[in-house]
Amino acid sequence: MTSKKDLKKVVKHICSELLTDCVALSLCDGKPIDGLDDIAADIIQTNNDYVKRLSHVEKGSERVFFKKYRQEFIDHVNELSHKIEELFVSKAGEE
């Protein structure tokens, strides 16, 4: 089983990659993109929430907690990724 410390690093790494995608998208044309700031704020909030949740695991139900935690994190990251992709596609369609 992976340690909490390693899981926190993975969460931070994935969130930083998503944030990097937002920054790269914002630098493409130099014009502001509607909704990008909201997505970036959501990514930062996701990072904070999921790192904090790892600090409060109930004894005896670790397996259930981590299974649920993993699935919720994957779903949330996929949702954020799709939002970034939609902004990119809409920006590419404008040009």
PDB file of N, CA and C in Angstrom:
ATOM      1  N   MET A   1       0.841  -1.175   0.000  1.00  0.00           N
ATOM      2  CA  MET A   1       0.000   0.000   0.000  1.00  0.00           C
ATOM      3  C   MET A   1       0.890   1.243   0.000  1.00  0.00           C
ATOM      4  N   THR A   2       0.485   2.219  -0.744  1.00  0.00           N
ATOM      5  CA  THR A   2       1.221   3.470  -0.850  1.00  0.00           C
ATOM      6  C   THR A   2       1.007   4.302   0.408  1.00  0.00           C
ATOM      7  N   SER A   3       2.051   5.029   0.795  1.00  0.00           N
ATOM      8  CA  SER A   3       1.935   5.862   1.991  1.00  0.00           C
ATOM      9  C   SER A   3       1.125   7.128   1.692  1.00  0.00           C
ATOM     10  N   LYS A   4       0.618   7.747   2.744  1.00  0.00           N
ATOM     11  CA  LYS A   4      -0.129   8.990   2.593  1.00  0.00           C
ATOM     12  C   LYS A   4       0.752  10.077   1.981  1.00  0.00           C
ATOM     13  N   LYS A   5       2.005  10.071   2.373  1.00  0.00           N
ATOM     14  CA  LYS A   5       2.948  11.066   1.864  1.00  0.00           C
ATOM     15  C   LYS A   5       3.078  10.952   0.346  1.00  0.00           C
ATOM     16  N   ASP A   6       3.181   9.726  -0.152  1.00  0.00           N
ATOM     17  CA  ASP A   6       3.291   9.514  -1.591  1.00  0.00           C
ATOM     18  C   ASP A   6       2.004   9.894  -2.310  1.00  0.00           C
ATOM     19  N   LEU A   7       0.861   9.591  -1.702  1.00  0.00           N
ATOM     20  CA  LEU A   7      -0.418   9.962  -2.309  1.00  0.00           C
ATOM     21  C   LEU A   7      -0.573  11.475  -2.393  1.00  0.00           C
ATOM     22  N   LYS A   8      -0.130  12.175  -1.358  1.00  0.00           N
ATOM     23  CA  LYS A   8      -0.185  13.637  -1.388  1.00  0.00           C
ATOM     24  C   LYS A   8       0.679  14.183  -2.516  1.00  0.00           C
ATOM     25  N   LYS A   9       1.839  13.586  -2.729  1.00  0.00           N
ATOM     26  CA  LYS A   9       2.711  14.015  -3.822  1.00  0.00           C
ATOM     27  C   LYS A   9       2.043  13.791  -5.171  1.00  0.00           C
ATOM     28  N   VAL A  10       1.358  12.666  -5.322  1.00  0.00           N
ATOM     29  CA  VAL A  10       0.678  12.363  -6.585  1.00  0.00           C
ATOM     30  C   VAL A  10      -0.444  13.365  -6.834  1.00  0.00           C
ATOM     31  N   VAL A  11      -1.235  13.658  -5.804  1.00  0.00           N
ATOM     32  CA  VAL A  11      -2.316  14.630  -5.937  1.00  0.00           C
ATOM     33  C   VAL A  11      -1.753  15.991  -6.331  1.00  0.00           C
ATOM     34  N   LYS A  12      -0.703  16.416  -5.660  1.00  0.00           N
ATOM     35  CA  LYS A  12      -0.098  17.717  -5.971  1.00  0.00           C
ATOM     36  C   LYS A  12       0.468  17.743  -7.382  1.00  0.00           C
ATOM     37  N   HIS A  13       1.067  16.647  -7.812  1.00  0.00           N
ATOM     38  CA  HIS A  13       1.647  16.583  -9.153  1.00  0.00           C
ATOM     39  C   HIS A  13       0.559  16.672 -10.221  1.00  0.00           C
ATOM     40  N   ILE A  14      -0.510  15.917 -10.058  1.00  0.00           N
ATOM     41  CA  ILE A  14      -1.591  15.927 -11.048  1.00  0.00           C
ATOM     42  C   ILE A  14      -2.245  17.306 -11.104  1.00  0.00           C
ATOM     43  N   CYS A  15      -2.482  17.906  -9.956  1.00  0.00           N
ATOM     44  CA  CYS A  15      -3.090  19.239  -9.929  1.00  0.00           C
ATOM     45  C   CYS A  15      -2.162  20.284 -10.537  1.00  0.00           C
ATOM     46  N   SER A  16      -0.875  20.156 -10.305  1.00  0.00           N
ATOM     47  CA  SER A  16       0.061  21.116 -10.903  1.00  0.00           C
ATOM     48  C   SER A  16       0.121  20.956 -12.419  1.00  0.00           C
ATOM     49  N   GLU A  17      -0.032  19.725 -12.915  1.00  0.00           N
ATOM     50  CA  GLU A  17      -0.070  19.508 -14.362  1.00  0.00           C
ATOM     51  C   GLU A  17      -1.316  20.150 -14.979  1.00  0.00           C
ATOM     52  N   LEU A  18      -2.456  20.016 -14.306  1.00  0.00           N
ATOM     53  CA  LEU A  18      -3.675  20.650 -14.792  1.00  0.00           C
ATOM     54  C   LEU A  18      -3.539  22.173 -14.773  1.00  0.00           C
ATOM     55  N   LEU A  19      -2.943  22.699 -13.732  1.00  0.00           N
ATOM     56  CA  LEU A  19      -2.737  24.145 -13.637  1.00  0.00           C
ATOM     57  C   LEU A  19      -1.770  24.624 -14.714  1.00  0.00           C
ATOM     58  N   THR A  20      -0.771  23.819 -15.014  1.00  0.00           N
ATOM     59  CA  THR A  20       0.168  24.149 -16.089  1.00  0.00           C
ATOM     60  C   THR A  20      -0.555  24.218 -17.423  1.00  0.00           C
ATOM     61  N   ASP A  21      -1.494  23.309 -17.656  1.00  0.00           N
ATOM     62  CA  ASP A  21      -2.285  23.350 -18.882  1.00  0.00           C
ATOM     63  C   ASP A  21      -3.086  24.641 -18.975  1.00  0.00           C
ATOM     64  N   CYS A  22      -3.640  25.087 -17.850  1.00  0.00           N
ATOM     65  CA  CYS A  22      -4.384  26.351 -17.834  1.00  0.00           C
ATOM     66  C   CYS A  22      -3.481  27.538 -18.171  1.00  0.00           C
ATOM     67  N   VAL A  23      -2.310  27.554 -17.584  1.00  0.00           N
ATOM     68  CA  VAL A  23      -1.373  28.653 -17.840  1.00  0.00           C
ATOM     69  C   VAL A  23      -0.934  28.636 -19.301  1.00  0.00           C
ATOM     70  N   ALA A  24      -0.633  27.463 -19.829  1.00  0.00           N
ATOM     71  CA  ALA A  24      -0.223  27.363 -21.229  1.00  0.00           C
ATOM     72  C   ALA A  24      -1.342  27.834 -22.154  1.00  0.00           C
ATOM     73  N   LEU A  25      -2.569  27.476 -21.849  1.00  0.00           N
ATOM     74  CA  LEU A  25      -3.704  27.907 -22.657  1.00  0.00           C
ATOM     75  C   LEU A  25      -3.881  29.415 -22.601  1.00  0.00           C
ATOM     76  N   SER A  26      -3.650  29.992 -21.443  1.00  0.00           N
ATOM     77  CA  SER A  26      -3.807  31.443 -21.312  1.00  0.00           C
ATOM     78  C   SER A  26      -2.709  32.207 -22.050  1.00  0.00           C
ATOM     79  N   LEU A  27      -1.562  31.587 -22.245  1.00  0.00           N
ATOM     80  CA  LEU A  27      -0.450  32.258 -22.912  1.00  0.00           C
ATOM     81  C   LEU A  27      -0.457  32.075 -24.431  1.00  0.00           C
ATOM     82  N   CYS A  28      -1.355  31.255 -24.935  1.00  0.00           N
ATOM     83  CA  CYS A  28      -1.384  30.968 -26.372  1.00  0.00           C
ATOM     84  C   CYS A  28      -1.600  32.210 -27.213  1.00  0.00           C
ATOM     85  N   ASP A  29      -2.564  33.024 -26.851  1.00  0.00           N
ATOM     86  CA  ASP A  29      -2.923  34.167 -27.681  1.00  0.00           C
ATOM     87  C   ASP A  29      -2.744  35.490 -26.958  1.00  0.00           C
ATOM     88  N   GLY A  30      -2.630  35.453 -25.674  1.00  0.00           N
ATOM     89  CA  GLY A  30      -2.482  36.677 -24.904  1.00  0.00           C
ATOM     90  C   GLY A  30      -3.797  37.345 -24.552  1.00  0.00           C
ATOM     91  N   LYS A  31      -4.896  36.851 -25.114  1.00  0.00           N
ATOM     92  CA  LYS A  31      -6.216  37.411 -24.794  1.00  0.00           C
ATOM     93  C   LYS A  31      -6.811  36.629 -23.626  1.00  0.00           C
ATOM     94  N   PRO A  32      -7.574  37.308 -22.771  1.00  0.00           N
ATOM     95  CA  PRO A  32      -8.205  36.592 -21.649  1.00  0.00           C
ATOM     96  C   PRO A  32      -9.231  35.580 -22.148  1.00  0.00           C
ATOM     97  N   ILE A  33      -9.313  34.459 -21.478  1.00  0.00           N
ATOM     98  CA  ILE A  33     -10.250  33.404 -21.831  1.00  0.00           C
ATOM     99  C   ILE A  33     -11.276  33.306 -20.718  1.00  0.00           C
ATOM    100  N   ASP A  34     -12.538  33.448 -21.082  1.00  0.00           N
ATOM    101  CA  ASP A  34     -13.615  33.373 -20.090  1.00  0.00           C
ATOM    102  C   ASP A  34     -13.676  31.984 -19.483  1.00  0.00           C
ATOM    103  N   GLY A  35     -13.707  31.924 -18.173  1.00  0.00           N
ATOM    104  CA  GLY A  35     -13.849  30.659 -17.472  1.00  0.00           C
ATOM    105  C   GLY A  35     -12.541  30.021 -17.043  1.00  0.00           C
ATOM    106  N   LEU A  36     -11.434  30.484 -17.575  1.00  0.00           N
ATOM    107  CA  LEU A  36     -10.145  29.872 -17.250  1.00  0.00           C
ATOM    108  C   LEU A  36      -9.750  30.133 -15.798  1.00  0.00           C
ATOM    109  N   ASP A  37     -10.042  31.319 -15.310  1.00  0.00           N
ATOM    110  CA  ASP A  37      -9.730  31.636 -13.909  1.00  0.00           C
ATOM    111  C   ASP A  37     -10.537  30.768 -12.949  1.00  0.00           C
ATOM    112  N   ASP A  38     -11.780  30.505 -13.313  1.00  0.00           N
ATOM    113  CA  ASP A  38     -12.629  29.653 -12.477  1.00  0.00           C
ATOM    114  C   ASP A  38     -12.095  28.224 -12.429  1.00  0.00           C
ATOM    115  N   ILE A  39     -11.638  27.728 -13.566  1.00  0.00           N
ATOM    116  CA  ILE A  39     -11.079  26.375 -13.616  1.00  0.00           C
ATOM    117  C   ILE A  39      -9.792  26.308 -12.793  1.00  0.00           C
ATOM    118  N   ALA A  40      -8.946  27.327 -12.919  1.00  0.00           N
ATOM    119  CA  ALA A  40      -7.695  27.355 -12.152  1.00  0.00           C
ATOM    120  C   ALA A  40      -7.988  27.385 -10.648  1.00  0.00           C
ATOM    121  N   ALA A  41      -8.972  28.171 -10.244  1.00  0.00           N
ATOM    122  CA  ALA A  41      -9.351  28.220  -8.827  1.00  0.00           C
ATOM    123  C   ALA A  41      -9.895  26.873  -8.365  1.00  0.00           C
ATOM    124  N   ASP A  42     -10.653  26.208  -9.226  1.00  0.00           N
ATOM    125  CA  ASP A  42     -11.194  24.889  -8.896  1.00  0.00           C
ATOM    126  C   ASP A  42     -10.070  23.855  -8.754  1.00  0.00           C
ATOM    127  N   ILE A  43      -9.048  23.958  -9.584  1.00  0.00           N
ATOM    128  CA  ILE A  43      -7.903  23.048  -9.492  1.00  0.00           C
ATOM    129  C   ILE A  43      -7.179  23.240  -8.164  1.00  0.00           C
ATOM    130  N   ILE A  44      -6.961  24.478  -7.780  1.00  0.00           N
ATOM    131  CA  ILE A  44      -6.284  24.772  -6.514  1.00  0.00           C
ATOM    132  C   ILE A  44      -7.118  24.272  -5.340  1.00  0.00           C
ATOM    133  N   GLN A  45      -8.428  24.483  -5.411  1.00  0.00           N
ATOM    134  CA  GLN A  45      -9.321  24.009  -4.351  1.00  0.00           C
ATOM    135  C   GLN A  45      -9.325  22.482  -4.294  1.00  0.00           C
ATOM    136  N   THR A  46      -9.298  21.831  -5.444  1.00  0.00           N
ATOM    137  CA  THR A  46      -9.245  20.365  -5.501  1.00  0.00           C
ATOM    138  C   THR A  46      -7.981  19.858  -4.829  1.00  0.00           C
ATOM    139  N   ASN A  47      -6.861  20.481  -5.141  1.00  0.00           N
ATOM    140  CA  ASN A  47      -5.591  20.095  -4.529  1.00  0.00           C
ATOM    141  C   ASN A  47      -5.675  20.194  -3.012  1.00  0.00           C
ATOM    142  N   ASN A  48      -6.144  21.324  -2.532  1.00  0.00           N
ATOM    143  CA  ASN A  48      -6.234  21.533  -1.085  1.00  0.00           C
ATOM    144  C   ASN A  48      -7.175  20.529  -0.426  1.00  0.00           C
ATOM    145  N   ASP A  49      -8.335  20.320  -1.030  1.00  0.00           N
ATOM    146  CA  ASP A  49      -9.325  19.413  -0.449  1.00  0.00           C
ATOM    147  C   ASP A  49      -8.822  17.978  -0.377  1.00  0.00           C
ATOM    148  N   TYR A  50      -8.253  17.488  -1.469  1.00  0.00           N
ATOM    149  CA  TYR A  50      -7.841  16.088  -1.489  1.00  0.00           C
ATOM    150  C   TYR A  50      -6.599  15.828  -0.637  1.00  0.00           C
ATOM    151  N   VAL A  51      -5.719  16.799  -0.510  1.00  0.00           N
ATOM    152  CA  VAL A  51      -4.561  16.634   0.377  1.00  0.00           C
ATOM    153  C   VAL A  51      -5.034  16.620   1.836  1.00  0.00           C
ATOM    154  N   LYS A  52      -5.967  17.495   2.175  1.00  0.00           N
ATOM    155  CA  LYS A  52      -6.493  17.532   3.554  1.00  0.00           C
ATOM    156  C   LYS A  52      -7.228  16.248   3.912  1.00  0.00           C
ATOM    157  N   ARG A  53      -7.969  15.696   2.957  1.00  0.00           N
ATOM    158  CA  ARG A  53      -8.739  14.484   3.224  1.00  0.00           C
ATOM    159  C   ARG A  53      -7.843  13.308   3.594  1.00  0.00           C
ATOM    160  N   LEU A  54      -6.617  13.307   3.087  1.00  0.00           N
ATOM    161  CA  LEU A  54      -5.701  12.204   3.398  1.00  0.00           C
ATOM    162  C   LEU A  54      -5.257  12.222   4.853  1.00  0.00           C
ATOM    163  N   SER A  55      -5.384  13.352   5.503  1.00  0.00           N
ATOM    164  CA  SER A  55      -4.949  13.461   6.891  1.00  0.00           C
ATOM    165  C   SER A  55      -5.983  12.923   7.874  1.00  0.00           C
ATOM    166  N   HIS A  56      -7.186  12.652   7.397  1.00  0.00           N
ATOM    167  CA  HIS A  56      -8.270  12.239   8.292  1.00  0.00           C
ATOM    168  C   HIS A  56      -8.895  10.925   7.832  1.00  0.00           C
ATOM    169  N   VAL A  57      -8.159   9.853   7.985  1.00  0.00           N
ATOM    170  CA  VAL A  57      -8.643   8.527   7.611  1.00  0.00           C
ATOM    171  C   VAL A  57      -9.090   7.812   8.879  1.00  0.00           C
ATOM    172  N   GLU A  58     -10.318   7.295   8.857  1.00  0.00           N
ATOM    173  CA  GLU A  58     -10.827   6.577  10.020  1.00  0.00           C
ATOM    174  C   GLU A  58     -10.179   5.198  10.117  1.00  0.00           C
ATOM    175  N   LYS A  59      -9.804   4.842  11.300  1.00  0.00           N
ATOM    176  CA  LYS A  59      -9.198   3.531  11.537  1.00  0.00           C
ATOM    177  C   LYS A  59     -10.240   2.439  11.304  1.00  0.00           C
ATOM    178  N   GLY A  60      -9.811   1.387  10.644  1.00  0.00           N
ATOM    179  CA  GLY A  60     -10.681   0.251  10.402  1.00  0.00           C
ATOM    180  C   GLY A  60     -11.381   0.271   9.063  1.00  0.00           C
ATOM    181  N   SER A  61     -11.488   1.437   8.443  1.00  0.00           N
ATOM    182  CA  SER A  61     -12.162   1.512   7.149  1.00  0.00           C
ATOM    183  C   SER A  61     -11.240   2.100   6.081  1.00  0.00           C
ATOM    184  N   GLU A  62      -9.962   1.840   6.212  1.00  0.00           N
ATOM    185  CA  GLU A  62      -8.980   2.408   5.295  1.00  0.00           C
ATOM    186  C   GLU A  62      -9.207   1.952   3.855  1.00  0.00           C
ATOM    187  N   ARG A  63      -9.466   0.669   3.670  1.00  0.00           N
ATOM    188  CA  ARG A  63      -9.624   0.130   2.322  1.00  0.00           C
ATOM    189  C   ARG A  63     -10.787   0.799   1.589  1.00  0.00           C
ATOM    190  N   VAL A  64     -11.910   0.933   2.264  1.00  0.00           N
ATOM    191  CA  VAL A  64     -13.082   1.570   1.670  1.00  0.00           C
ATOM    192  C   VAL A  64     -12.797   3.040   1.400  1.00  0.00           C
ATOM    193  N   PHE A  65     -12.149   3.706   2.355  1.00  0.00           N
ATOM    194  CA  PHE A  65     -11.834   5.121   2.208  1.00  0.00           C
ATOM    195  C   PHE A  65     -10.962   5.359   0.978  1.00  0.00           C
ATOM    196  N   PHE A  66      -9.888   4.607   0.841  1.00  0.00           N
ATOM    197  CA  PHE A  66      -8.958   4.843  -0.256  1.00  0.00           C
ATOM    198  C   PHE A  66      -9.550   4.468  -1.612  1.00  0.00           C
ATOM    199  N   LYS A  67     -10.393   3.458  -1.645  1.00  0.00           N
ATOM    200  CA  LYS A  67     -11.056   3.094  -2.894  1.00  0.00           C
ATOM    201  C   LYS A  67     -11.984   4.219  -3.340  1.00  0.00           C
ATOM    202  N   LYS A  68     -12.775   4.732  -2.398  1.00  0.00           N
ATOM    203  CA  LYS A  68     -13.689   5.837  -2.692  1.00  0.00           C
ATOM    204  C   LYS A  68     -12.903   7.109  -3.035  1.00  0.00           C
ATOM    205  N   TYR A  69     -11.865   7.388  -2.276  1.00  0.00           N
ATOM    206  CA  TYR A  69     -11.009   8.560  -2.484  1.00  0.00           C
ATOM    207  C   TYR A  69     -10.424   8.552  -3.894  1.00  0.00           C
ATOM    208  N   ARG A  70      -9.880   7.406  -4.274  1.00  0.00           N
ATOM    209  CA  ARG A  70      -9.248   7.279  -5.594  1.00  0.00           C
ATOM    210  C   ARG A  70     -10.252   7.526  -6.709  1.00  0.00           C
ATOM    211  N   GLN A  71     -11.428   6.913  -6.618  1.00  0.00           N
ATOM    212  CA  GLN A  71     -12.435   7.063  -7.663  1.00  0.00           C
ATOM    213  C   GLN A  71     -12.946   8.500  -7.747  1.00  0.00           C
ATOM    214  N   GLU A  72     -13.183   9.126  -6.607  1.00  0.00           N
ATOM    215  CA  GLU A  72     -13.647  10.518  -6.605  1.00  0.00           C
ATOM    216  C   GLU A  72     -12.587  11.445  -7.196  1.00  0.00           C
ATOM    217  N   PHE A  73     -11.326  11.203  -6.857  1.00  0.00           N
ATOM    218  CA  PHE A  73     -10.254  12.051  -7.387  1.00  0.00           C
ATOM    219  C   PHE A  73     -10.135  11.887  -8.898  1.00  0.00           C
ATOM    220  N   ILE A  74     -10.183  10.660  -9.375  1.00  0.00           N
ATOM    221  CA  ILE A  74     -10.093  10.413 -10.816  1.00  0.00           C
ATOM    222  C   ILE A  74     -11.254  11.083 -11.539  1.00  0.00           C
ATOM    223  N   ASP A  75     -12.457  10.955 -11.010  1.00  0.00           N
ATOM    224  CA  ASP A  75     -13.624  11.570 -11.636  1.00  0.00           C
ATOM    225  C   ASP A  75     -13.492  13.092 -11.679  1.00  0.00           C
ATOM    226  N   HIS A  76     -13.030  13.672 -10.580  1.00  0.00           N
ATOM    227  CA  HIS A  76     -12.892  15.133 -10.519  1.00  0.00           C
ATOM    228  C   HIS A  76     -11.802  15.627 -11.472  1.00  0.00           C
ATOM    229  N   VAL A  77     -10.692  14.920 -11.542  1.00  0.00           N
ATOM    230  CA  VAL A  77      -9.607  15.304 -12.451  1.00  0.00           C
ATOM    231  C   VAL A  77     -10.072  15.188 -13.902  1.00  0.00           C
ATOM    232  N   ASN A  78     -10.807  14.138 -14.224  1.00  0.00           N
ATOM    233  CA  ASN A  78     -11.330  13.987 -15.585  1.00  0.00           C
ATOM    234  C   ASN A  78     -12.283  15.122 -15.939  1.00  0.00           C
ATOM    235  N   GLU A  79     -13.113  15.514 -14.984  1.00  0.00           N
ATOM    236  CA  GLU A  79     -14.035  16.630 -15.204  1.00  0.00           C
ATOM    237  C   GLU A  79     -13.270  17.924 -15.478  1.00  0.00           C
ATOM    238  N   LEU A  80     -12.249  18.195 -14.683  1.00  0.00           N
ATOM    239  CA  LEU A  80     -11.439  19.395 -14.889  1.00  0.00           C
ATOM    240  C   LEU A  80     -10.713  19.345 -16.222  1.00  0.00           C
ATOM    241  N   SER A  81     -10.206  18.185 -16.565  1.00  0.00           N
ATOM    242  CA  SER A  81      -9.508  18.017 -17.831  1.00  0.00           C
ATOM    243  C   SER A  81     -10.435  18.279 -19.019  1.00  0.00           C
ATOM    244  N   HIS A  82     -11.664  17.801 -18.918  1.00  0.00           N
ATOM    245  CA  HIS A  82     -12.636  18.034 -19.994  1.00  0.00           C
ATOM    246  C   HIS A  82     -12.981  19.514 -20.107  1.00  0.00           C
ATOM    247  N   LYS A  83     -13.075  20.204 -18.987  1.00  0.00           N
ATOM    248  CA  LYS A  83     -13.349  21.643 -19.023  1.00  0.00           C
ATOM    249  C   LYS A  83     -12.216  22.392 -19.721  1.00  0.00           C
ATOM    250  N   ILE A  84     -10.975  22.022 -19.419  1.00  0.00           N
ATOM    251  CA  ILE A  84      -9.825  22.659 -20.068  1.00  0.00           C
ATOM    252  C   ILE A  84      -9.844  22.354 -21.557  1.00  0.00           C
ATOM    253  N   GLU A  85     -10.137  21.114 -21.892  1.00  0.00           N
ATOM    254  CA  GLU A  85     -10.196  20.714 -23.302  1.00  0.00           C
ATOM    255  C   GLU A  85     -11.275  21.490 -24.052  1.00  0.00           C
ATOM    256  N   GLU A  86     -12.440  21.680 -23.435  1.00  0.00           N
ATOM    257  CA  GLU A  86     -13.515  22.444 -24.064  1.00  0.00           C
ATOM    258  C   GLU A  86     -13.095  23.885 -24.323  1.00  0.00           C
ATOM    259  N   LEU A  87     -12.396  24.486 -23.362  1.00  0.00           N
ATOM    260  CA  LEU A  87     -11.903  25.855 -23.566  1.00  0.00           C
ATOM    261  C   LEU A  87     -10.902  25.903 -24.710  1.00  0.00           C
ATOM    262  N   PHE A  88     -10.043  24.900 -24.780  1.00  0.00           N
ATOM    263  CA  PHE A  88      -9.043  24.855 -25.848  1.00  0.00           C
ATOM    264  C   PHE A  88      -9.718  24.718 -27.207  1.00  0.00           C
ATOM    265  N   VAL A  89     -10.697  23.839 -27.294  1.00  0.00           N
ATOM    266  CA  VAL A  89     -11.407  23.632 -28.562  1.00  0.00           C
ATOM    267  C   VAL A  89     -12.165  24.889 -28.959  1.00  0.00           C
ATOM    268  N   SER A  90     -12.806  25.530 -28.002  1.00  0.00           N
ATOM    269  CA  SER A  90     -13.536  26.759 -28.334  1.00  0.00           C
ATOM    270  C   SER A  90     -12.573  27.873 -28.740  1.00  0.00           C
ATOM    271  N   LYS A  91     -11.416  27.925 -28.121  1.00  0.00           N
ATOM    272  CA  LYS A  91     -10.416  28.942 -28.488  1.00  0.00           C
ATOM    273  C   LYS A  91      -9.873  28.656 -29.878  1.00  0.00           C
ATOM    274  N   ALA A  92      -9.632  27.385 -30.195  1.00  0.00           N
ATOM    275  CA  ALA A  92      -9.132  27.031 -31.523  1.00  0.00           C
ATOM    276  C   ALA A  92     -10.186  27.296 -32.590  1.00  0.00           C
ATOM    277  N   GLY A  93     -11.448  27.164 -32.232  1.00  0.00           N
ATOM    278  CA  GLY A  93     -12.527  27.416 -33.179  1.00  0.00           C
ATOM    279  C   GLY A  93     -12.689  28.884 -33.504  1.00  0.00           C
ATOM    280  N   GLU A  94     -12.260  29.770 -32.606  1.00  0.00           N
ATOM    281  CA  GLU A  94     -12.353  31.203 -32.832  1.00  0.00           C
ATOM    282  C   GLU A  94     -11.352  31.684 -33.867  1.00  0.00           C
ATOM    283  N   GLU A  95     -10.260  30.970 -33.989  1.00  0.00           N
ATOM    284  CA  GLU A  95      -9.186  31.433 -34.890  1.00  0.00           C
ATOM    285  C   GLU A  95      -9.404  31.018 -36.304  1.00  0.00           C
TER     286      GLU A  95
END
